[in-house]
Amino acid sequence: MPVAFIIDSSYFIAAFLFIYGLKQMSSPRSARAGIVLAGVGMVIAVLASFLYSLDVRPEARPMLQTNMLLALVALSLGLGWAWWSGKKVAMTAMPQMVALYNGMGGGAAAAIAAIELSGYQTHGSISLLLAVLGGLIGAVSLSGSLIAWAKLDGRINKTLRMTGLQLINSSLLLVLGSLAIYIVWQGGQVPQWLFLAFFALALLYGVMMTMPIGGADMPVVISLYNAFTGLAVGFEGYVLNNPALMIAGMVVGSAGTMLTLLMAKAMNRSVRNVLFSNFGAASSDETQTISGSLKPIEASDAAINMRYAGKVIIAPGYGLAVAQAQHKLFEFVELLQDAGVEVKFAIHPVAGRMPGHMNVLLAEAGVPYDLIFDMEEINSEFKEADVAIVIGANDTVNPSARSNKSSPIYGMPVLNVDQARQVYVIKRGQGKGYSGVENELFFADNCQLIYGDAQKVLAAMLQAVKNLESN
């Protein structure tokens, strides 16, 4: 059987597994199987790539075999590091790991482009254009994802604020576009320093694009860079004439683009804001006067009230992940269910620090999928709930997004927790959300605050119900 036929067939199977695996990832129930299928597809694609060494002229085999040996060493190092870091990472650190891996994909695409461009000879104009675009997008994704990782990991705590930032970023993008056009116009025959300048500016643009972005906007940023990496990989797959890379890149790029649009819509932002660093630029000096007062309540009292409720809806946020309280929360939920209370989870699209962050967190704690609902599915049920409890969320439950046209978050879809008969909010202190806007919910007549770390508060609530049941 010809080696070329085996390679092409392997790529076809790998492409099918990529696409079907991604489809399976659309549901929490089948997501694990989808990840396995896509992983098997990647293994097949990698193995098929090594078969190229058997389908070359005899005089070219020694050099190719040396390159394959180097590739095997790199592959082994990458697999070892990925396995170790994947086993070690805590669930709360999953967003930064996703950002880091995404950056590595963009960096790999940029590296391929750099090699192809530096040794450019006989590629057609389309291949040259795609190599340049892939290098540009991959470099932006690399540096931007690394900044996102550093922000999520707490290594960078400040956001960049400066006058004329949009103008600077727009100018950078204009220069990059001009360089890309010049390189293609010259057929790739340009000095090496120009290639270096091109990639350096692309890396700089990724940094400048991401530095102003706050933590609450990271779900959109991660989705955007995921799309960038997919596009870059797809372009470089065309340059290398590698069908598996092309298909995988286009699938990831299209899925990432759709997810970016959905995340941006969920935050009432445009993709243009993402590209030109308008995220987090809303003024935090809102002067709206909110009537009412903050009303604290003890964790034990809130727990007993929930024990006698008919229906409870839980709205988790990033604070749940920070406190690593998901297991304690599910233990409390099971106790309520044993007492006959109907319990559901309401997930905002941008809750947490990456798309699906809360879903992953709750699944890791063993929460059944049929208890977890997206915002569109459950928002109408809050008015039927006896109790809504907010854990570590802020902007995503702020009613001013619906009613206050002067608010920076006006128009952003939020969970209707304020419509429940009673609302409890677990929060560390009296701080505002990332938008800098005071939350009207906290001052509502039907809302009471439980101050403290979510892990400790839920432990106290759990103990209170257990004590009640034992009496």
Protein backbone atom coordinates (compact mmCIF):
# COMPACT_ATOMS: atom_id res chain seq x y z
CA MET A 1 0.00 0.00 0.00
CA PRO A 2 1.49 3.41 -0.99
CA VAL A 3 2.70 5.53 1.88
CA ALA A 4 0.92 8.57 0.43
CA PHE A 5 -2.42 6.73 0.59
CA ILE A 6 -1.83 5.82 4.25
CA ILE A 7 -0.95 9.43 5.11
CA ASP A 8 -4.00 10.86 3.30
CA SER A 9 -6.32 8.28 4.87
CA SER A 10 -4.91 9.01 8.32
CA TYR A 11 -5.49 12.73 7.84
CA PHE A 12 -9.08 12.07 6.75
CA ILE A 13 -9.75 9.98 9.86
CA ALA A 14 -8.07 12.60 12.07
CA ALA A 15 -10.17 15.37 10.52
CA PHE A 16 -13.36 13.41 11.13
CA LEU A 17 -12.39 12.84 14.76
CA PHE A 18 -11.60 16.55 15.20
CA ILE A 19 -14.99 17.60 13.89
CA TYR A 20 -17.00 14.93 15.67
CA GLY A 21 -15.06 15.46 18.89
CA LEU A 22 -15.82 19.18 18.80
CA LYS A 23 -19.51 18.40 18.24
CA GLN A 24 -19.45 16.15 21.31
CA MET A 25 -17.92 18.97 23.35
CA SER A 26 -21.05 21.07 22.82
CA SER A 27 -22.77 19.19 25.65
CA PRO A 28 -21.42 18.68 29.18
CA ARG A 29 -22.66 15.10 29.08
CA SER A 30 -20.53 14.14 26.09
CA ALA A 31 -17.69 16.65 26.47
CA ARG A 32 -15.28 14.14 28.03
CA ALA A 33 -15.81 11.70 25.15
CA GLY A 34 -15.32 14.56 22.69
CA ILE A 35 -11.98 15.47 24.22
CA VAL A 36 -10.83 11.84 23.97
CA LEU A 37 -11.92 11.57 20.32
CA ALA A 38 -10.17 14.81 19.37
CA GLY A 39 -7.07 13.63 21.23
CA VAL A 40 -7.06 10.34 19.31
CA GLY A 41 -7.40 12.33 16.09
CA MET A 42 -4.37 14.42 17.02
CA VAL A 43 -2.31 11.29 17.76
CA ILE A 44 -3.22 9.85 14.35
CA ALA A 45 -2.32 13.13 12.61
CA VAL A 46 1.06 13.32 14.36
CA LEU A 47 1.91 9.71 13.53
CA ALA A 48 0.91 10.27 9.90
CA SER A 49 3.26 13.25 9.71
CA PHE A 50 6.18 11.05 10.67
CA LEU A 51 5.40 8.72 7.76
CA TYR A 52 6.61 11.41 5.36
CA SER A 53 10.15 10.19 6.05
CA LEU A 54 9.27 6.98 4.18
CA ASP A 55 8.01 8.77 1.08
CA VAL A 56 11.04 10.79 -0.04
CA ARG A 57 13.98 10.25 -2.34
CA PRO A 58 16.74 8.07 -0.80
CA GLU A 59 19.31 10.90 -0.91
CA ALA A 60 17.00 13.16 1.12
CA ARG A 61 16.23 10.62 3.85
CA PRO A 62 19.26 11.22 6.12
CA MET A 63 18.42 14.92 6.59
CA LEU A 64 14.71 14.23 6.97
CA GLN A 65 15.34 11.47 9.48
CA THR A 66 17.51 13.86 11.50
CA ASN A 67 14.68 16.38 11.47
CA MET A 68 12.23 13.68 12.53
CA LEU A 69 14.51 12.77 15.42
CA LEU A 70 14.57 16.39 16.56
CA ALA A 71 10.78 16.51 16.22
CA LEU A 72 10.48 13.38 18.38
CA VAL A 73 12.64 14.96 21.08
CA ALA A 74 10.52 18.13 21.01
CA LEU A 75 7.33 16.05 21.04
CA SER A 76 8.52 14.04 24.03
CA LEU A 77 9.43 17.18 25.96
CA GLY A 78 6.07 18.75 25.16
CA LEU A 79 4.12 15.64 26.11
CA GLY A 80 6.02 15.30 29.37
CA TRP A 81 5.50 18.90 30.39
CA ALA A 82 1.83 18.87 29.37
CA TRP A 83 1.14 15.65 31.29
CA TRP A 84 2.89 16.91 34.43
CA SER A 85 1.29 20.35 34.36
CA GLY A 86 -2.14 18.92 33.51
CA LYS A 87 -2.05 16.54 36.48
CA LYS A 88 -0.72 19.21 38.82
CA VAL A 89 -2.99 22.14 37.95
CA ALA A 90 -5.79 23.00 40.36
CA MET A 91 -9.31 23.44 39.01
CA THR A 92 -9.20 27.12 39.99
CA ALA A 93 -6.12 27.57 37.78
CA MET A 94 -7.72 26.00 34.69
CA PRO A 95 -8.40 29.35 32.92
CA GLN A 96 -4.75 30.36 32.99
CA MET A 97 -3.71 26.91 31.74
CA VAL A 98 -6.14 27.21 28.83
CA ALA A 99 -4.70 30.64 28.03
CA LEU A 100 -1.14 29.28 28.21
CA TYR A 101 -1.82 26.29 25.96
CA ASN A 102 -3.66 28.54 23.53
CA GLY A 103 -0.62 30.82 23.40
CA MET A 104 1.63 27.87 22.68
CA GLY A 105 -0.53 26.96 19.68
CA GLY A 106 -0.29 30.50 18.35
CA GLY A 107 3.46 30.51 18.95
CA ALA A 108 3.87 27.24 17.03
CA ALA A 109 1.98 28.70 14.07
CA ALA A 110 4.14 31.85 14.18
CA ALA A 111 7.30 29.73 14.32
CA ILE A 112 6.21 27.78 11.24
CA ALA A 113 5.56 31.05 9.44
CA ALA A 114 8.96 32.43 10.44
CA ILE A 115 10.74 29.33 9.11
CA GLU A 116 8.78 29.32 5.88
CA LEU A 117 9.32 33.03 5.28
CA SER A 118 13.02 33.00 6.11
CA GLY A 119 13.63 30.20 3.61
CA TYR A 120 11.07 31.40 1.08
CA GLN A 121 11.73 30.32 -2.51
CA THR A 122 9.05 28.64 -4.58
CA HIS A 123 5.73 29.07 -2.74
CA GLY A 124 2.85 30.63 -4.68
CA SER A 125 1.48 34.04 -3.81
CA ILE A 126 -1.48 32.55 -1.90
CA SER A 127 0.84 30.46 0.26
CA LEU A 128 2.99 33.51 0.93
CA LEU A 129 -0.03 35.60 1.90
CA LEU A 130 -1.32 32.90 4.26
CA ALA A 131 2.15 32.42 5.77
CA VAL A 132 2.34 36.15 6.54
CA LEU A 133 -1.20 36.26 7.95
CA GLY A 134 -0.60 33.11 9.99
CA GLY A 135 2.61 34.55 11.40
CA LEU A 136 0.91 37.83 12.30
CA ILE A 137 -2.13 36.24 13.96
CA GLY A 138 -0.07 33.53 15.68
CA ALA A 139 2.38 36.05 17.16
CA VAL A 140 -0.47 38.24 18.44
CA SER A 141 -2.13 35.18 19.97
CA LEU A 142 1.14 34.10 21.60
CA SER A 143 1.97 37.36 23.36
CA GLY A 144 -1.67 38.20 24.11
CA SER A 145 -2.34 34.77 25.62
CA LEU A 146 0.80 35.00 27.75
CA ILE A 147 -0.37 38.36 29.13
CA ALA A 148 -3.82 36.86 29.77
CA TRP A 149 -2.16 33.94 31.59
CA ALA A 150 -0.07 36.31 33.71
CA LYS A 151 -3.13 38.38 34.62
CA LEU A 152 -5.22 35.35 35.53
CA ASP A 153 -2.34 33.89 37.53
CA GLY A 154 -1.88 37.11 39.50
CA ARG A 155 1.58 37.80 38.09
CA ILE A 156 0.32 41.04 36.51
CA ASN A 157 -2.09 42.89 38.76
CA LYS A 158 -2.32 46.21 36.95
CA THR A 159 -4.24 47.16 33.83
CA LEU A 160 -2.72 49.56 31.30
CA ARG A 161 -4.51 52.90 31.16
CA MET A 162 -3.09 55.69 29.03
CA THR A 163 -4.36 58.52 26.83
CA GLY A 164 -4.51 57.67 23.17
CA LEU A 165 -4.21 53.92 23.65
CA GLN A 166 -6.67 53.21 20.84
CA LEU A 167 -4.65 55.45 18.52
CA ILE A 168 -1.43 53.63 19.43
CA ASN A 169 -2.99 50.21 18.83
CA SER A 170 -4.60 51.35 15.58
CA SER A 171 -1.25 52.73 14.41
CA LEU A 172 0.50 49.48 15.30
CA LEU A 173 -2.09 47.52 13.36
CA LEU A 174 -1.69 49.86 10.37
CA VAL A 175 2.09 49.42 10.38
CA LEU A 176 1.72 45.64 10.64
CA GLY A 177 -0.74 45.60 7.77
CA SER A 178 1.60 47.73 5.65
CA LEU A 179 4.55 45.44 6.38
CA ALA A 180 2.48 42.37 5.53
CA ILE A 181 1.41 43.88 2.20
CA TYR A 182 5.01 44.88 1.41
CA ILE A 183 6.35 41.40 2.15
CA VAL A 184 3.74 39.79 -0.10
CA TRP A 185 4.24 42.46 -2.79
CA GLN A 186 7.97 41.75 -2.80
CA GLY A 187 7.36 38.03 -3.13
CA GLY A 188 8.95 37.37 0.25
CA GLN A 189 12.33 38.63 -0.95
CA VAL A 190 12.96 41.16 1.82
CA PRO A 191 15.83 41.58 4.33
CA GLN A 192 15.79 39.36 7.40
CA TRP A 193 15.61 42.37 9.70
CA LEU A 194 12.25 43.24 8.16
CA PHE A 195 10.90 39.82 9.09
CA LEU A 196 12.22 40.31 12.61
CA ALA A 197 10.59 43.73 12.84
CA PHE A 198 7.33 42.29 11.55
CA PHE A 199 7.19 39.55 14.20
CA ALA A 200 8.41 41.87 16.97
CA LEU A 201 5.64 44.37 16.23
CA ALA A 202 3.08 41.56 16.10
CA LEU A 203 4.18 40.40 19.54
CA LEU A 204 4.03 43.98 20.81
CA TYR A 205 0.51 44.41 19.45
CA GLY A 206 -0.62 41.31 21.34
CA VAL A 207 0.75 42.79 24.56
CA MET A 208 -0.78 46.23 23.96
CA MET A 209 -4.10 44.67 23.04
CA THR A 210 -4.33 42.60 26.23
CA MET A 211 -2.79 44.78 28.93
CA PRO A 212 -5.82 47.08 29.34
CA ILE A 213 -8.23 44.18 29.79
CA GLY A 214 -9.63 43.40 33.23
CA GLY A 215 -10.20 39.96 34.73
CA ALA A 216 -13.96 40.01 34.24
CA ASP A 217 -13.50 40.31 30.47
CA MET A 218 -11.16 37.34 30.17
CA PRO A 219 -13.80 34.87 28.86
CA VAL A 220 -14.12 36.94 25.69
CA VAL A 221 -10.36 37.41 25.40
CA ILE A 222 -9.62 33.70 25.74
CA SER A 223 -12.29 32.91 23.12
CA LEU A 224 -10.83 35.52 20.77
CA TYR A 225 -7.29 34.23 21.05
CA ASN A 226 -8.59 30.70 20.62
CA ALA A 227 -10.06 31.82 17.29
CA PHE A 228 -6.80 33.58 16.39
CA THR A 229 -4.77 30.45 17.08
CA GLY A 230 -7.14 28.29 15.05
CA LEU A 231 -6.93 30.64 12.06
CA ALA A 232 -3.14 30.82 12.28
CA VAL A 233 -2.83 27.02 12.42
CA GLY A 234 -5.24 26.64 9.49
CA PHE A 235 -3.26 29.12 7.37
CA GLU A 236 0.03 27.40 8.12
CA GLY A 237 -1.57 24.04 7.33
CA TYR A 238 -2.22 25.34 3.82
CA VAL A 239 1.37 26.56 3.54
CA LEU A 240 2.67 23.13 4.60
CA ASN A 241 0.09 21.31 2.48
CA ASN A 242 -1.07 19.50 5.62
CA PRO A 243 -4.82 18.70 5.49
CA ALA A 244 -5.07 17.83 9.18
CA LEU A 245 -3.65 21.20 10.23
CA MET A 246 -5.92 23.02 7.81
CA ILE A 247 -9.09 21.29 9.00
CA ALA A 248 -8.22 21.41 12.70
CA GLY A 249 -7.28 25.08 12.44
CA MET A 250 -10.43 26.07 10.58
CA VAL A 251 -12.67 24.10 12.97
CA VAL A 252 -11.03 25.69 16.02
CA GLY A 253 -11.00 29.10 14.37
CA SER A 254 -14.69 29.02 13.43
CA ALA A 255 -15.73 27.62 16.81
CA GLY A 256 -13.62 30.23 18.59
CA THR A 257 -15.12 33.01 16.49
CA MET A 258 -18.67 31.90 17.26
CA LEU A 259 -17.83 31.62 20.95
CA THR A 260 -16.25 35.09 20.92
CA LEU A 261 -19.39 36.59 19.41
CA LEU A 262 -21.58 34.82 21.97
CA MET A 263 -19.39 35.92 24.87
CA ALA A 264 -19.27 39.51 23.61
CA LYS A 265 -23.05 39.55 23.22
CA ALA A 266 -23.44 38.20 26.75
CA MET A 267 -21.37 41.15 28.02
CA ASN A 268 -23.06 43.69 25.72
CA ARG A 269 -19.77 44.44 23.98
CA SER A 270 -18.71 44.42 20.35
CA VAL A 271 -15.82 42.53 18.83
CA ARG A 272 -14.47 45.92 17.73
CA ASN A 273 -14.08 46.79 21.42
CA VAL A 274 -12.02 43.64 21.86
CA LEU A 275 -9.73 44.35 18.93
CA PHE A 276 -9.10 47.95 19.92
CA SER A 277 -8.69 47.47 23.66
CA ASN A 278 -11.84 49.16 24.85
CA PHE A 279 -12.44 46.48 27.45
CA GLY A 280 -12.59 47.70 30.99
CA ALA A 281 -12.39 51.28 29.86
CA ALA A 282 -15.77 52.20 31.27
CA SER A 283 -15.68 54.85 33.93
CA SER A 284 -15.99 53.62 37.48
CA ASP A 285 -16.99 56.96 38.93
CA GLU A 286 -20.70 56.32 38.51
CA THR A 287 -22.64 58.74 40.66
CA GLN A 288 -26.00 56.96 40.73
CA THR A 289 -27.61 57.11 44.17
CA ILE A 290 -28.98 53.78 45.34
CA SER A 291 -31.67 53.78 47.97
CA GLY A 292 -31.76 51.15 50.69
CA SER A 293 -29.14 49.68 52.96
CA LEU A 294 -26.92 46.63 53.18
CA LYS A 295 -28.54 43.98 55.36
CA PRO A 296 -26.23 41.28 56.73
CA ILE A 297 -27.43 37.87 57.94
CA GLU A 298 -25.74 34.96 59.67
CA ALA A 299 -24.94 31.92 57.56
CA SER A 300 -26.85 29.62 59.91
CA ASP A 301 -30.05 31.69 59.66
CA ALA A 302 -29.90 31.76 55.88
CA ALA A 303 -29.30 28.00 55.77
CA ILE A 304 -32.34 27.24 57.91
CA ASN A 305 -34.53 29.45 55.71
CA MET A 306 -33.25 27.57 52.65
CA ARG A 307 -33.98 24.26 54.37
CA TYR A 308 -37.67 25.16 54.50
CA ALA A 309 -37.81 26.63 50.98
CA GLY A 310 -39.60 24.92 48.14
CA LYS A 311 -37.26 26.02 45.36
CA VAL A 312 -33.70 27.36 45.51
CA ILE A 313 -31.64 28.65 42.57
CA ILE A 314 -27.88 29.07 42.96
CA ALA A 315 -25.92 31.63 40.89
CA PRO A 316 -22.18 30.84 41.18
CA GLY A 317 -19.37 33.20 40.17
CA TYR A 318 -15.60 33.44 40.23
CA GLY A 319 -15.61 33.77 44.04
CA LEU A 320 -16.71 30.14 44.24
CA ALA A 321 -13.64 29.11 42.25
CA VAL A 322 -11.29 31.27 44.31
CA ALA A 323 -12.61 29.76 47.56
CA GLN A 324 -12.53 26.24 46.04
CA ALA A 325 -15.91 25.73 47.66
CA GLN A 326 -17.60 23.72 44.91
CA HIS A 327 -17.45 20.43 46.85
CA LYS A 328 -18.82 22.00 50.01
CA LEU A 329 -21.57 23.63 47.94
CA PHE A 330 -22.66 20.35 46.39
CA GLU A 331 -22.66 18.69 49.80
CA PHE A 332 -25.00 21.44 51.00
CA VAL A 333 -27.18 21.02 47.89
CA GLU A 334 -27.51 17.28 48.51
CA LEU A 335 -28.62 18.00 52.08
CA LEU A 336 -31.30 20.37 50.80
CA GLN A 337 -32.46 17.84 48.22
CA ASP A 338 -32.76 15.17 50.92
CA ALA A 339 -35.10 17.58 52.72
CA GLY A 340 -37.28 17.87 49.61
CA VAL A 341 -36.00 21.23 48.33
CA GLU A 342 -35.81 21.69 44.56
CA VAL A 343 -32.34 23.05 43.73
CA LYS A 344 -31.02 24.35 40.40
CA PHE A 345 -27.86 26.12 39.24
CA ALA A 346 -28.03 29.21 37.00
CA ILE A 347 -24.90 29.83 34.90
CA HIS A 348 -24.18 33.19 33.30
CA PRO A 349 -22.24 32.87 29.99
CA VAL A 350 -19.29 34.89 31.30
CA ALA A 351 -19.27 33.71 34.91
CA GLY A 352 -15.70 32.90 35.91
CA ARG A 353 -12.57 33.53 33.88
CA MET A 354 -13.14 31.43 30.77
CA PRO A 355 -16.13 30.14 28.81
CA GLY A 356 -17.69 27.23 30.69
CA HIS A 357 -15.61 27.87 33.82
CA MET A 358 -18.52 27.33 36.21
CA ASN A 359 -19.72 24.26 34.32
CA VAL A 360 -16.29 22.67 34.64
CA LEU A 361 -16.06 23.61 38.31
CA LEU A 362 -19.45 22.14 39.18
CA ALA A 363 -18.85 19.01 37.11
CA GLU A 364 -15.57 18.46 38.95
CA ALA A 365 -17.52 18.54 42.22
CA GLY A 366 -19.94 15.90 40.92
CA VAL A 367 -22.98 18.13 40.34
CA PRO A 368 -25.37 16.29 37.95
CA TYR A 369 -25.71 17.95 34.56
CA ASP A 370 -29.50 18.05 34.83
CA LEU A 371 -29.18 20.55 37.71
CA ILE A 372 -27.12 23.02 35.66
CA PHE A 373 -28.93 25.50 33.41
CA ASP A 374 -27.77 28.29 31.12
CA MET A 375 -29.07 31.81 31.72
CA GLU A 376 -31.59 31.69 28.85
CA GLU A 377 -33.06 28.43 30.16
CA ILE A 378 -33.55 29.45 33.78
CA ASN A 379 -33.94 33.22 33.91
CA SER A 380 -37.73 33.02 33.79
CA GLU A 381 -37.77 30.69 36.82
CA PHE A 382 -36.31 33.13 39.34
CA LYS A 383 -39.72 34.67 40.01
CA GLU A 384 -40.91 31.21 41.08
CA ALA A 385 -37.96 30.64 43.45
CA ASP A 386 -38.31 31.01 47.20
CA VAL A 387 -34.57 31.67 47.54
CA ALA A 388 -31.80 32.68 45.15
CA ILE A 389 -28.27 32.50 46.51
CA VAL A 390 -25.40 34.29 44.79
CA ILE A 391 -21.90 32.95 45.48
CA GLY A 392 -18.98 35.11 44.39
CA ALA A 393 -20.77 36.87 41.51
CA ASN A 394 -21.38 40.60 41.10
CA ASP A 395 -21.80 42.28 37.72
CA THR A 396 -23.60 39.24 36.26
CA VAL A 397 -26.45 39.68 38.79
CA ASN A 398 -26.66 43.49 38.82
CA PRO A 399 -30.23 44.67 37.98
CA SER A 400 -28.93 48.08 36.86
CA ALA A 401 -27.88 46.40 33.61
CA ARG A 402 -31.60 46.19 32.79
CA SER A 403 -32.85 49.56 34.03
CA ASN A 404 -30.09 52.18 34.38
CA LYS A 405 -29.17 53.58 30.95
CA SER A 406 -26.26 55.54 32.43
CA SER A 407 -24.62 52.41 33.82
CA PRO A 408 -21.49 51.09 32.03
CA ILE A 409 -23.05 47.62 32.04
CA TYR A 410 -26.45 48.73 30.71
CA GLY A 411 -27.76 46.23 28.17
CA MET A 412 -25.64 43.34 29.47
CA PRO A 413 -27.88 40.30 30.03
CA VAL A 414 -27.90 39.37 33.73
CA LEU A 415 -29.37 36.65 35.89
CA ASN A 416 -32.74 37.73 37.30
CA VAL A 417 -31.88 36.78 40.87
CA ASP A 418 -33.57 39.94 42.19
CA GLN A 419 -36.94 38.46 41.17
CA ALA A 420 -36.72 35.66 43.76
CA ARG A 421 -38.69 36.09 46.98
CA GLN A 422 -35.49 36.12 49.02
CA VAL A 423 -31.91 36.64 47.85
CA TYR A 424 -28.75 35.75 49.80
CA VAL A 425 -25.34 36.90 48.59
CA ILE A 426 -22.11 35.35 49.83
CA LYS A 427 -19.26 37.83 49.44
CA ARG A 428 -15.99 38.65 51.15
CA GLY A 429 -16.65 42.35 51.67
CA GLN A 430 -18.43 45.38 50.29
CA GLY A 431 -16.33 45.76 47.14
CA LYS A 432 -17.75 46.47 43.68
CA GLY A 433 -17.52 44.28 40.61
CA TYR A 434 -14.89 44.61 37.89
CA SER A 435 -17.04 47.22 36.14
CA GLY A 436 -16.68 49.49 39.18
CA VAL A 437 -20.46 49.80 39.40
CA GLU A 438 -22.32 49.54 42.70
CA ASN A 439 -24.70 46.58 42.65
CA GLU A 440 -28.34 47.57 43.19
CA LEU A 441 -29.16 44.01 44.18
CA PHE A 442 -27.23 44.29 47.44
CA PHE A 443 -29.45 47.17 48.58
CA ALA A 444 -32.77 45.57 47.61
CA ASP A 445 -35.39 44.90 50.28
CA ASN A 446 -35.36 41.17 49.55
CA CYS A 447 -31.57 40.80 49.64
CA GLN A 448 -29.31 39.96 52.58
CA LEU A 449 -25.53 39.58 52.60
CA ILE A 450 -23.51 36.78 54.16
CA TYR A 451 -19.98 38.09 54.59
CA GLY A 452 -17.02 35.72 54.52
CA ASP A 453 -15.05 33.22 52.49
CA ALA A 454 -17.44 30.98 50.52
CA GLN A 455 -15.76 27.82 51.83
CA LYS A 456 -16.28 28.82 55.46
CA VAL A 457 -19.77 30.23 54.91
CA LEU A 458 -20.98 27.08 53.17
CA ALA A 459 -19.43 24.93 55.89
CA ALA A 460 -21.38 26.92 58.49
CA MET A 461 -24.59 26.59 56.47
CA LEU A 462 -24.05 22.87 56.09
CA GLN A 463 -23.51 22.42 59.81
CA ALA A 464 -26.59 24.49 60.64
CA VAL A 465 -28.85 22.25 58.55
CA LYS A 466 -27.24 19.11 59.97
CA ASN A 467 -27.85 20.38 63.51
CA LEU A 468 -31.46 21.12 62.63
CA GLU A 469 -31.99 17.66 61.21
CA SER A 470 -30.45 15.98 64.26
CA ASN A 471 -32.77 17.74 66.72
